[in-house]
Structure formats: structure tokens, C-alpha cells
Amino acid sequence: MPAYWLARAKINDPISYKRYTDQVPKIIGAHGGRVLGRGGKFKILEGPEKFERFVVIEFPSLEAAEKCWASDEYQNAAKHRKNGVGENELVILEAGEFTR
């Protein structure tokens, strides 16, 4: 069953943050992931207006999404968006059927 990374970000230092974003597509692809949406227009309907960038990435499974996040490659890349460079929230959501 597919799973999705749902990320919200505020970029404080675009030059340093780019070191992260330049590496991530290859890492995600190596884990079977594909970007469904990144950046672009958005409308916050509820919640803080702090975040300025939203990302949705599909993986073949929850396990693949977790494995990507936990990989040495991803964790090394993620260092470039921490320590004030950016502020991020990331959750993984497994797709499921609606119940009524």
C-alpha cells in the first residue's frame, strides 16, 4: 500500500538549504519514491501560516518511506537544512480506504 511523506518547511537560509534539496531527489528515487508536489501555489485553510513550502512524496510502502528517511544518505543530506537553516515538519501517511 502506498505511503506519503507530507512535509512543511520554512526556509531561513536558501543557499544552505539548497545543499539539501540538490541531494534529496536522487535519494528518494533510490527508495522508490516520486515527488507528487513540491513548492507551487498553496492555500492554508487551518493551522499556522509559518510554513512557506509544502512537499508530497509518494513511496511504494510505509516501510520504504521510513527506510528512505532513516538512510545514511538522507540523514547526511538533512544536516544541511537543520540548525536554523530551515524549519521542517515531516509525517508519513499510509494510504488507506475510507470507512463510512
Protein backbone atom coordinates (compact mmCIF):
# COMPACT_ATOMS: atom_id res chain seq x y z
CA MET A 1 0.00 0.00 0.00
CA PRO A 2 1.48 3.41 -0.91
CA ALA A 3 2.61 5.86 1.72
CA TYR A 4 3.30 9.57 1.51
CA TRP A 5 5.79 11.97 3.01
CA LEU A 6 3.92 15.14 3.87
CA ALA A 7 6.38 17.92 4.61
CA ARG A 8 6.03 21.56 5.59
CA ALA A 9 9.04 23.85 5.53
CA LYS A 10 10.14 27.37 6.24
CA ILE A 11 13.46 28.20 4.60
CA ASN A 12 15.61 30.68 6.54
CA ASP A 13 18.83 30.36 4.51
CA PRO A 14 18.06 29.46 0.87
CA ILE A 15 21.69 29.00 -0.16
CA SER A 16 22.45 26.48 2.58
CA TYR A 17 19.05 24.79 2.20
CA LYS A 18 19.79 24.18 -1.48
CA ARG A 19 22.59 21.81 -0.43
CA TYR A 20 19.80 19.63 0.97
CA THR A 21 17.34 19.99 -1.93
CA ASP A 22 20.06 19.24 -4.51
CA GLN A 23 20.67 15.79 -2.95
CA VAL A 24 17.19 14.63 -1.98
CA PRO A 25 15.59 13.71 -5.36
CA LYS A 26 18.23 11.07 -6.08
CA ILE A 27 17.92 9.63 -2.55
CA ILE A 28 14.12 9.49 -2.77
CA GLY A 29 14.28 7.84 -6.19
CA ALA A 30 16.65 5.17 -4.88
CA HIS A 31 13.91 4.19 -2.39
CA GLY A 32 11.14 4.05 -5.00
CA GLY A 33 9.75 7.48 -4.14
CA ARG A 34 8.44 10.11 -6.51
CA VAL A 35 7.61 13.74 -5.90
CA LEU A 36 3.92 14.49 -6.44
CA GLY A 37 4.09 18.13 -5.41
CA ARG A 38 6.84 20.50 -4.27
CA GLY A 39 6.59 24.22 -3.85
CA GLY A 40 3.99 25.88 -6.03
CA LYS A 41 0.79 27.63 -5.06
CA PHE A 42 -0.96 26.63 -1.85
CA LYS A 43 -3.66 27.88 0.47
CA ILE A 44 -3.55 27.31 4.22
CA LEU A 45 -7.08 26.57 5.37
CA GLU A 46 -6.27 25.86 9.02
CA GLY A 47 -3.14 25.98 11.10
CA PRO A 48 -0.13 28.27 11.40
CA GLU A 49 0.89 30.34 8.43
CA LYS A 50 4.54 29.91 9.37
CA PHE A 51 5.38 27.45 6.60
CA GLU A 52 6.05 28.61 3.05
CA ARG A 53 6.81 25.37 1.23
CA PHE A 54 4.90 22.11 1.06
CA VAL A 55 6.03 18.77 -0.35
CA VAL A 56 4.20 15.50 -1.06
CA ILE A 57 6.24 12.42 -1.99
CA GLU A 58 4.79 9.00 -2.75
CA PHE A 59 6.57 5.78 -1.79
CA PRO A 60 5.53 2.21 -2.60
CA SER A 61 5.03 1.43 1.11
CA LEU A 62 5.30 2.82 4.62
CA GLU A 63 8.40 0.72 5.11
CA ALA A 64 10.08 2.20 2.02
CA ALA A 65 9.25 5.74 3.20
CA GLU A 66 10.69 5.05 6.66
CA LYS A 67 13.77 3.35 5.20
CA CYS A 68 14.45 6.37 3.00
CA TRP A 69 14.18 8.77 5.95
CA ALA A 70 16.42 6.57 8.13
CA SER A 71 19.06 6.03 5.43
CA ASP A 72 22.54 7.42 5.97
CA GLU A 73 22.27 9.27 2.66
CA TYR A 74 19.09 11.09 3.65
CA GLN A 75 20.26 11.87 7.18
CA ASN A 76 23.53 13.31 5.82
CA ALA A 77 21.61 15.48 3.36
CA ALA A 78 19.14 16.57 6.07
CA LYS A 79 22.00 18.06 8.09
CA HIS A 80 22.05 20.90 5.54
CA ARG A 81 18.52 22.02 6.49
CA LYS A 82 18.95 21.95 10.27
CA ASN A 83 20.47 24.32 12.85
CA GLY A 84 18.39 27.30 11.80
CA VAL A 85 18.80 26.86 8.04
CA GLY A 86 15.19 25.69 7.81
CA GLU A 87 12.28 24.62 9.96
CA ASN A 88 10.56 21.42 8.93
CA GLU A 89 7.75 19.08 9.86
CA LEU A 90 7.56 15.67 8.20
CA VAL A 91 4.99 12.92 8.65
CA ILE A 92 4.43 9.67 6.80
CA LEU A 93 0.85 8.76 5.94
CA GLU A 94 -0.06 5.30 4.71
CA ALA A 95 -2.82 5.30 2.11
CA GLY A 96 -5.96 3.55 3.24
CA GLU A 97 -9.54 3.01 2.37
CA PHE A 98 -12.22 5.32 3.67
CA THR A 99 -14.62 3.74 6.09
CA ARG A 100 -18.13 5.04 6.43
